[in-house]
């Protein structure tokens, strides 16, 4: 259901697919006049990041369709490669209420509308720098030695310049946290949409069935830790003052959330865990899509309440197709030479595009912030595959990772484009395990961090994007890079990708 508004009220409400009404923070008109300028400035600087990962890979034709043969509107030599760019609009058709670019890149026209198309980019020709087989964290820039960019954002003061650092909301096997000299899988924030609601807003259910607001768990944890530090005799007066100032910021966040909770939004009435346990769930792609929309409702509420600005999603218990993950992997992902299986796989990826990315984008676009912009205006919603695209056996390679982005990250990105960074003079789809197709995926990750306003000091320097390393250096102990990438490709990896910078 599309978000609805109560025009007689000074609050907006997000109406969730599960019957959840989520009240949002006060509009700036309710603030004291002297606080309005500060609220406007703070709101204008905010950025939001959402990322969804698709398991396995896909063939180029089904994903990119006519974009592969679209006449280039712009060309240039970059990193030693002749690259191409064109407008997305030139590849779009509309039929039977559907906006269609390709088998995968299509959706109901009410969702993939003119505004979304104008804020969308499709990127071809980016390669993972290392051959890692099934790659969970790589779509977010993580490896054995470096955390994923969601964790970089969560730890970045330049991403949160005027508020406390806030944890990312994480779903399943896609996020890596720093642990000593290596990384570990980040624990999922919650197991279901209801548990996420309870954890973020910490409600308890009274005997009447009404949700009773308590404190926010993510705030509580920091306060509990601060109390322990303050009780330590070794903690100086200066350190206690610093902690006190920090807790004042926490109290500000908590007061915003409690205002939102006390305004009367309800605990979700449909639990995604219950849906997943229902008979036949793994053969019902529409139920899997419903789960994602329910998760999106709570994430949008968390963004609006100021609890977090980062959400990364990689559902592992279902695939948006008519089989469980194991069967799906063997019967579809590894059987795509069969046209019927290929079509089934493409249909599943299309459903994920529409029910996760576009659903999130349209819901964020309904929420207006203090500066009059929507949350979507300040967001970057991106997707990535754990493996690449191409012909047999290209869907199991780490070359040409398909990327979709929605949103311009507050004006940082130029959108409405199809960009193709493949080197068509050197690259062929073949059974030869040739990893090089074009530019490096690390270059995209570095650009995402800059689009989010992250200072380069928060992730070292930018010579190679993110992670900022060329794996062939002698002091690196992680996986060996795919050495097909040339010095010229590596030399530009710290720059913004061509044509994507506004």
Foldseek 3Di string as FASTA:
>chain_A
DFFDADVVDQWGWGQFPLRWTFTFFGALVPPPPVCLVVQQVLVLLAFFEEEEAAEFFAAPCQPQPCVVVDDFPDWDQALNFIWGKDFQVVQWDDDPQKIDNHLQPIDGCVLCDPQFLQQKEKEWWAFAFFWDFQFAQVLQQFFFQGWGVQQLLLPFCLLVVPAHRFHAQEAPRHTWDDDVRTTDDDDHCDDKLLRNLCQQQVWDADPVRFTHTDWHNRLVVLVVVLVVLVPDPVQDPVNNVVSVVNVVRSVVLRVLSVVRVVVDITRRPDILVVLLPDPQSQQDLVSVLSRQSSNLVSVLSCVSSVNDRHYYYYDQQHNSARHGNVCLCVVQSVPVVPVVSSSRNSNSSSSCCCSHVSSNLSNQQVAAGNNRHGNLQQYKYKYWYSAYHHPVVRSRARTTIIMMITYLNSQFWRGSMYIYFFRVVPDDDDNPNQRGGGAHVLLVSQSVCVSSSGDCVSQPHQQQHRVPDQQVDPVHDTGHTRPPSDPSRSRCSSDHDPPTGD
